[in-house]
């Protein structure tokens, strides 16, 4: 099974120039914990609710004026849409990430895959492999 078979295709994207408050509002409205950050049709980062809390709020940065680029992770890990679910489950565990952006071979964002997606479509074995790696067990 390929990642394209299990990924979420409808992905909201944040701009690096949006405020953290705007990114948090999108996350709240969509009930999600992270947003890929895109600029000029390229994936340039990821921003999570934890990034906002730890890299901004905990440092007393104003969420209405602090830009996403100031709190995002710029070292983006991703996978390709034609990667196998089993290889990505292991990879997510190895790099300790709950979510990965999915790109095509032109490196255009086409979706996002979460550990929950692995469990829903490929059964508990793939999700367990990723979770064990993430938790360090």
N, C-alpha and C. Protein backbone atom coordinates (compact mmCIF):
# COMPACT_ATOMS: atom_id res chain seq x y z
N UNK A 1 0.84 -1.17 0.00
CA UNK A 1 0.00 0.00 0.00
C UNK A 1 0.89 1.24 0.00
N UNK A 2 0.48 2.26 -0.73
CA UNK A 2 1.25 3.49 -0.84
C UNK A 2 0.72 4.56 0.11
N UNK A 3 1.59 5.48 0.48
CA UNK A 3 1.19 6.59 1.34
C UNK A 3 0.04 7.38 0.71
N UNK A 4 0.04 7.50 -0.60
CA UNK A 4 -1.04 8.24 -1.27
C UNK A 4 -2.41 7.60 -1.02
N UNK A 5 -2.42 6.31 -0.66
CA UNK A 5 -3.68 5.63 -0.36
C UNK A 5 -4.21 5.96 1.03
N UNK A 6 -3.36 6.43 1.92
CA UNK A 6 -3.78 6.64 3.31
C UNK A 6 -3.68 8.09 3.78
N UNK A 7 -2.99 8.93 3.03
CA UNK A 7 -2.76 10.31 3.47
C UNK A 7 -4.04 11.14 3.41
N UNK A 8 -4.01 12.24 4.13
CA UNK A 8 -5.06 13.24 4.06
C UNK A 8 -4.69 14.19 2.93
N UNK A 9 -5.60 14.35 1.98
CA UNK A 9 -5.30 15.18 0.81
C UNK A 9 -5.63 16.66 1.03
N UNK A 10 -6.64 16.93 1.80
CA UNK A 10 -7.03 18.33 2.03
C UNK A 10 -6.16 18.88 3.15
N UNK A 11 -5.19 19.70 2.76
CA UNK A 11 -4.23 20.22 3.73
C UNK A 11 -4.26 21.74 3.70
N UNK A 12 -4.44 22.33 4.86
CA UNK A 12 -4.34 23.79 4.99
C UNK A 12 -2.87 24.14 5.10
N UNK A 13 -2.48 25.25 4.54
CA UNK A 13 -1.09 25.70 4.54
C UNK A 13 -1.00 27.08 5.16
N UNK A 14 0.00 27.27 6.00
CA UNK A 14 0.26 28.59 6.58
C UNK A 14 1.33 29.28 5.74
N UNK A 15 1.29 30.59 5.76
CA UNK A 15 2.34 31.40 5.14
C UNK A 15 3.35 31.76 6.24
N UNK A 16 4.62 31.83 5.90
CA UNK A 16 5.60 32.21 6.92
C UNK A 16 5.39 33.63 7.44
N UNK A 17 4.66 34.44 6.68
CA UNK A 17 4.41 35.82 7.11
C UNK A 17 3.11 36.01 7.88
N UNK A 18 2.33 34.95 8.04
CA UNK A 18 1.13 35.03 8.87
C UNK A 18 1.55 35.14 10.33
N UNK A 19 0.66 35.68 11.13
CA UNK A 19 0.95 35.73 12.57
C UNK A 19 0.70 34.36 13.19
N UNK A 20 1.31 34.12 14.32
CA UNK A 20 1.06 32.87 15.05
C UNK A 20 -0.40 32.76 15.44
N UNK A 21 -1.02 33.88 15.74
CA UNK A 21 -2.44 33.86 16.08
C UNK A 21 -3.27 33.36 14.90
N UNK A 22 -2.96 33.82 13.69
CA UNK A 22 -3.69 33.36 12.51
C UNK A 22 -3.48 31.86 12.30
N UNK A 23 -2.26 31.38 12.49
CA UNK A 23 -1.99 29.95 12.35
C UNK A 23 -2.76 29.16 13.40
N UNK A 24 -2.78 29.65 14.62
CA UNK A 24 -3.51 28.97 15.70
C UNK A 24 -5.01 28.96 15.42
N UNK A 25 -5.53 30.02 14.85
CA UNK A 25 -6.95 30.08 14.50
C UNK A 25 -7.29 29.01 13.45
N UNK A 26 -6.41 28.82 12.47
CA UNK A 26 -6.62 27.78 11.46
C UNK A 26 -6.62 26.42 12.13
N UNK A 27 -5.63 26.19 13.00
CA UNK A 27 -5.54 24.90 13.70
C UNK A 27 -6.80 24.64 14.52
N UNK A 28 -7.29 25.67 15.20
CA UNK A 28 -8.50 25.51 16.02
C UNK A 28 -9.71 25.21 15.13
N UNK A 29 -9.85 25.94 14.04
CA UNK A 29 -11.00 25.75 13.16
C UNK A 29 -10.99 24.37 12.50
N UNK A 30 -9.82 23.88 12.18
CA UNK A 30 -9.70 22.59 11.49
C UNK A 30 -9.50 21.42 12.45
N UNK A 31 -9.34 21.72 13.74
CA UNK A 31 -9.08 20.70 14.77
C UNK A 31 -7.82 19.89 14.43
N UNK A 32 -6.74 20.61 14.15
CA UNK A 32 -5.46 19.99 13.81
C UNK A 32 -4.36 20.59 14.67
N UNK A 33 -3.24 19.90 14.76
CA UNK A 33 -2.14 20.36 15.61
C UNK A 33 -0.92 20.85 14.86
N UNK A 34 -0.97 20.83 13.54
CA UNK A 34 0.17 21.34 12.78
C UNK A 34 -0.28 21.83 11.41
N UNK A 35 0.56 22.68 10.85
CA UNK A 35 0.33 23.20 9.50
C UNK A 35 1.64 23.20 8.73
N UNK A 36 1.62 22.69 7.52
CA UNK A 36 2.78 22.91 6.66
C UNK A 36 2.87 24.41 6.36
N UNK A 37 4.08 24.89 6.19
CA UNK A 37 4.29 26.30 5.86
C UNK A 37 4.83 26.37 4.44
N UNK A 38 4.14 27.12 3.60
CA UNK A 38 4.51 27.21 2.20
C UNK A 38 4.76 28.62 1.75
N UNK A 39 5.72 28.75 0.84
CA UNK A 39 6.06 30.06 0.28
C UNK A 39 6.45 29.86 -1.17
N UNK A 40 5.85 30.62 -2.06
CA UNK A 40 6.13 30.51 -3.49
C UNK A 40 6.00 29.07 -3.98
N UNK A 41 4.92 28.42 -3.58
CA UNK A 41 4.60 27.06 -4.02
C UNK A 41 5.61 26.02 -3.54
N UNK A 42 6.34 26.31 -2.47
CA UNK A 42 7.32 25.37 -1.91
C UNK A 42 7.08 25.20 -0.42
N UNK A 43 7.32 24.01 0.06
CA UNK A 43 7.24 23.70 1.48
C UNK A 43 8.50 24.24 2.15
N UNK A 44 8.35 25.18 3.10
CA UNK A 44 9.52 25.79 3.73
C UNK A 44 9.59 25.52 5.23
N UNK A 45 8.54 24.90 5.78
CA UNK A 45 8.57 24.62 7.21
C UNK A 45 7.30 23.94 7.68
N UNK A 46 7.29 23.67 8.98
CA UNK A 46 6.10 23.14 9.66
C UNK A 46 5.94 23.93 10.95
N UNK A 47 4.70 24.24 11.28
CA UNK A 47 4.40 24.92 12.54
C UNK A 47 3.39 24.05 13.29
N UNK A 48 3.69 23.78 14.56
CA UNK A 48 2.79 22.97 15.38
C UNK A 48 2.25 23.80 16.53
N UNK A 49 1.19 23.30 17.14
CA UNK A 49 0.66 23.97 18.32
C UNK A 49 1.73 24.03 19.41
N UNK A 50 2.56 23.00 19.49
CA UNK A 50 3.64 22.98 20.48
C UNK A 50 4.69 24.04 20.16
N UNK A 51 5.01 24.23 18.87
CA UNK A 51 5.95 25.29 18.48
C UNK A 51 5.44 26.65 18.96
N UNK A 52 4.16 26.88 18.77
CA UNK A 52 3.58 28.16 19.18
C UNK A 52 3.70 28.33 20.69
N UNK A 53 3.40 27.27 21.43
CA UNK A 53 3.46 27.35 22.89
C UNK A 53 4.89 27.50 23.41
N UNK A 54 5.81 26.68 22.89
CA UNK A 54 7.17 26.63 23.44
C UNK A 54 8.09 27.71 22.85
N UNK A 55 7.99 27.94 21.57
CA UNK A 55 8.91 28.89 20.94
C UNK A 55 8.41 30.33 20.94
N UNK A 56 7.18 30.52 21.28
CA UNK A 56 6.65 31.88 21.25
C UNK A 56 6.00 32.28 22.57
N UNK A 57 4.92 31.63 22.93
CA UNK A 57 4.18 32.02 24.13
C UNK A 57 5.06 31.92 25.37
N UNK A 58 5.82 30.83 25.51
CA UNK A 58 6.67 30.65 26.69
C UNK A 58 7.79 31.70 26.75
N UNK A 59 8.10 32.29 25.61
CA UNK A 59 9.12 33.33 25.56
C UNK A 59 8.50 34.73 25.50
N UNK A 60 7.22 34.81 25.83
CA UNK A 60 6.47 36.07 25.89
C UNK A 60 6.44 36.83 24.57
N UNK A 61 6.47 36.09 23.46
CA UNK A 61 6.31 36.73 22.15
C UNK A 61 4.83 36.90 21.87
N UNK A 62 4.46 38.04 21.35
CA UNK A 62 3.06 38.35 21.09
C UNK A 62 2.55 37.54 19.90
N UNK A 63 1.52 36.71 20.11
CA UNK A 63 1.02 35.87 19.01
C UNK A 63 0.40 36.66 17.86
N UNK A 64 -0.05 37.86 18.12
CA UNK A 64 -0.67 38.64 17.06
C UNK A 64 0.34 39.37 16.17
N UNK A 65 1.59 39.49 16.62
CA UNK A 65 2.61 40.16 15.81
C UNK A 65 3.80 39.26 15.45
N UNK A 66 3.97 38.16 16.14
CA UNK A 66 5.07 37.24 15.84
C UNK A 66 4.70 36.42 14.61
N UNK A 67 5.61 36.34 13.67
CA UNK A 67 5.36 35.63 12.42
C UNK A 67 5.61 34.13 12.56
N UNK A 68 4.92 33.37 11.76
CA UNK A 68 5.08 31.92 11.73
C UNK A 68 6.54 31.56 11.53
N UNK A 69 7.25 32.27 10.65
CA UNK A 69 8.65 31.94 10.36
C UNK A 69 9.53 31.99 11.60
N UNK A 70 9.12 32.74 12.63
CA UNK A 70 9.92 32.87 13.84
C UNK A 70 9.76 31.67 14.78
N UNK A 71 8.76 30.85 14.59
CA UNK A 71 8.53 29.72 15.48
C UNK A 71 8.48 28.37 14.76
N UNK A 72 8.45 28.39 13.45
CA UNK A 72 8.32 27.14 12.69
C UNK A 72 9.62 26.34 12.71
N UNK A 73 9.51 25.08 12.41
CA UNK A 73 10.67 24.23 12.16
C UNK A 73 10.97 24.32 10.67
N UNK A 74 12.17 24.77 10.34
CA UNK A 74 12.52 24.93 8.93
C UNK A 74 13.11 23.65 8.34
N UNK A 75 13.59 22.75 9.18
CA UNK A 75 14.15 21.48 8.71
C UNK A 75 12.99 20.50 8.53
N UNK A 76 12.35 20.58 7.38
CA UNK A 76 11.14 19.80 7.13
C UNK A 76 11.49 18.39 6.67
N UNK A 77 10.95 17.42 7.38
CA UNK A 77 11.02 16.03 6.95
C UNK A 77 9.75 15.76 6.15
N UNK A 78 9.86 14.97 5.12
CA UNK A 78 8.70 14.69 4.27
C UNK A 78 8.87 13.31 3.66
N UNK A 79 7.82 12.85 3.01
CA UNK A 79 7.90 11.60 2.27
C UNK A 79 7.26 11.84 0.91
N UNK A 80 7.48 10.89 0.02
CA UNK A 80 6.89 10.97 -1.32
C UNK A 80 5.58 10.20 -1.37
N UNK A 81 4.70 10.63 -2.24
CA UNK A 81 3.38 10.03 -2.34
C UNK A 81 3.40 8.58 -2.82
N UNK A 82 4.50 8.15 -3.42
CA UNK A 82 4.58 6.76 -3.86
C UNK A 82 5.45 5.89 -2.95
N UNK A 83 5.80 6.40 -1.76
CA UNK A 83 6.49 5.58 -0.76
C UNK A 83 5.51 4.58 -0.17
N UNK A 84 6.04 3.46 0.28
CA UNK A 84 5.16 2.45 0.87
C UNK A 84 4.82 2.82 2.31
N UNK A 85 3.62 2.42 2.71
CA UNK A 85 3.16 2.68 4.08
C UNK A 85 4.12 2.05 5.08
N UNK A 86 4.55 0.83 4.83
CA UNK A 86 5.41 0.16 5.79
C UNK A 86 6.75 0.87 5.96
N UNK A 87 7.34 1.36 4.87
CA UNK A 87 8.62 2.06 5.00
C UNK A 87 8.45 3.39 5.73
N UNK A 88 7.35 4.08 5.48
CA UNK A 88 7.12 5.37 6.13
C UNK A 88 6.79 5.18 7.61
N UNK A 89 6.09 4.12 7.95
CA UNK A 89 5.81 3.84 9.38
C UNK A 89 7.12 3.69 10.14
N UNK A 90 8.05 2.94 9.57
CA UNK A 90 9.36 2.80 10.21
C UNK A 90 10.11 4.11 10.25
N UNK A 91 10.04 4.86 9.15
CA UNK A 91 10.73 6.14 9.07
C UNK A 91 10.18 7.13 10.10
N UNK A 92 8.87 7.18 10.26
CA UNK A 92 8.28 8.10 11.24
C UNK A 92 8.78 7.76 12.65
N UNK A 93 8.91 6.48 12.93
CA UNK A 93 9.45 6.07 14.22
C UNK A 93 10.91 6.45 14.36
N UNK A 94 11.68 6.25 13.31
CA UNK A 94 13.12 6.57 13.36
C UNK A 94 13.36 8.06 13.57
N UNK A 95 12.58 8.90 12.91
CA UNK A 95 12.80 10.34 13.03
C UNK A 95 11.90 10.97 14.09
N UNK A 96 11.10 10.16 14.74
CA UNK A 96 10.26 10.55 15.88
C UNK A 96 9.29 11.69 15.55
N UNK A 97 8.52 11.48 14.48
CA UNK A 97 7.51 12.45 14.09
C UNK A 97 6.15 11.78 13.99
N UNK A 98 5.12 12.48 14.46
CA UNK A 98 3.75 11.96 14.39
C UNK A 98 3.10 12.23 13.04
N UNK A 99 3.62 13.26 12.33
CA UNK A 99 3.03 13.66 11.05
C UNK A 99 4.12 13.98 10.06
N UNK A 100 3.87 13.65 8.80
CA UNK A 100 4.82 13.98 7.74
C UNK A 100 4.08 14.59 6.57
N UNK A 101 4.58 15.69 6.03
CA UNK A 101 4.02 16.18 4.77
C UNK A 101 4.34 15.18 3.67
N UNK A 102 3.45 15.10 2.70
CA UNK A 102 3.63 14.20 1.56
C UNK A 102 3.77 15.07 0.32
N UNK A 103 4.83 14.84 -0.44
CA UNK A 103 5.08 15.61 -1.65
C UNK A 103 5.15 14.67 -2.85
N UNK A 104 4.93 15.24 -4.05
CA UNK A 104 5.14 14.45 -5.26
C UNK A 104 6.61 14.62 -5.66
N UNK A 105 7.00 14.02 -6.76
CA UNK A 105 8.42 14.08 -7.14
C UNK A 105 8.85 15.44 -7.69
N UNK A 106 7.89 16.36 -7.87
CA UNK A 106 8.22 17.75 -8.17
C UNK A 106 8.35 18.56 -6.88
N UNK A 107 8.26 17.84 -5.75
CA UNK A 107 8.32 18.41 -4.40
C UNK A 107 7.21 19.42 -4.13
N UNK A 108 6.04 19.14 -4.69
CA UNK A 108 4.83 19.91 -4.42
C UNK A 108 4.03 19.17 -3.37
N UNK A 109 3.54 19.89 -2.38
CA UNK A 109 2.75 19.28 -1.31
C UNK A 109 1.45 18.71 -1.86
N UNK A 110 1.20 17.44 -1.57
CA UNK A 110 -0.02 16.78 -2.04
C UNK A 110 -0.84 16.20 -0.90
N UNK A 111 -0.30 16.23 0.31
CA UNK A 111 -1.04 15.68 1.45
C UNK A 111 -0.21 15.68 2.71
N UNK A 112 -0.76 15.05 3.73
CA UNK A 112 -0.07 14.87 5.00
C UNK A 112 -0.47 13.52 5.55
N UNK A 113 0.47 12.84 6.20
CA UNK A 113 0.16 11.54 6.79
C UNK A 113 0.48 11.60 8.27
N UNK A 114 -0.43 11.06 9.06
CA UNK A 114 -0.26 11.01 10.51
C UNK A 114 -0.28 9.55 10.96
N UNK A 115 0.24 9.32 12.16
CA UNK A 115 0.23 7.97 12.71
C UNK A 115 -1.20 7.42 12.71
N UNK A 116 -2.17 8.26 13.01
CA UNK A 116 -3.57 7.82 13.01
C UNK A 116 -4.00 7.32 11.63
N UNK A 117 -3.49 7.95 10.57
CA UNK A 117 -3.81 7.48 9.21
C UNK A 117 -3.28 6.07 9.00
N UNK A 118 -2.10 5.81 9.51
CA UNK A 118 -1.51 4.47 9.37
C UNK A 118 -2.39 3.45 10.08
N UNK A 119 -2.84 3.78 11.27
CA UNK A 119 -3.68 2.85 12.04
C UNK A 119 -5.03 2.63 11.36
N UNK A 120 -5.61 3.70 10.82
CA UNK A 120 -6.93 3.59 10.20
C UNK A 120 -6.93 2.76 8.92
N UNK A 121 -5.86 2.82 8.16
CA UNK A 121 -5.86 2.18 6.85
C UNK A 121 -4.97 0.96 6.73
N UNK A 122 -3.92 0.88 7.53
CA UNK A 122 -3.00 -0.23 7.39
C UNK A 122 -2.98 -1.12 8.63
N UNK A 123 -3.82 -0.82 9.58
CA UNK A 123 -3.91 -1.64 10.77
C UNK A 123 -2.93 -1.21 11.85
N UNK A 124 -3.06 -1.83 13.00
CA UNK A 124 -2.28 -1.40 14.15
C UNK A 124 -0.78 -1.67 14.03
N UNK A 125 -0.36 -2.61 13.20
CA UNK A 125 1.07 -2.93 13.13
C UNK A 125 1.90 -1.74 12.64
N UNK A 126 1.46 -1.06 11.59
CA UNK A 126 2.21 0.10 11.08
C UNK A 126 2.22 1.23 12.10
N UNK A 127 1.07 1.49 12.70
CA UNK A 127 1.01 2.55 13.70
C UNK A 127 1.87 2.20 14.91
N UNK A 128 1.83 0.96 15.33
CA UNK A 128 2.62 0.54 16.49
C UNK A 128 4.10 0.71 16.22
N UNK A 129 4.54 0.37 15.01
CA UNK A 129 5.95 0.52 14.65
C UNK A 129 6.37 1.98 14.73
N UNK A 130 5.53 2.88 14.24
CA UNK A 130 5.85 4.31 14.29
C UNK A 130 5.82 4.80 15.73
N UNK A 131 4.82 4.43 16.48
CA UNK A 131 4.69 4.90 17.87
C UNK A 131 5.83 4.40 18.73
N UNK A 132 6.23 3.16 18.57
CA UNK A 132 7.36 2.63 19.36
C UNK A 132 8.62 3.45 19.10
N UNK A 133 8.85 3.81 17.86
CA UNK A 133 10.03 4.62 17.55
C UNK A 133 9.91 6.03 18.09
N UNK A 134 8.72 6.60 18.01
CA UNK A 134 8.50 7.95 18.50
C UNK A 134 8.68 8.02 20.01
N UNK A 135 8.15 7.02 20.71
CA UNK A 135 8.21 7.04 22.17
C UNK A 135 9.53 6.53 22.70
N UNK A 136 10.36 5.96 21.82
CA UNK A 136 11.66 5.47 22.25
C UNK A 136 11.64 4.07 22.82
N UNK A 137 10.53 3.36 22.67
CA UNK A 137 10.44 1.99 23.20
C UNK A 137 10.97 0.98 22.21
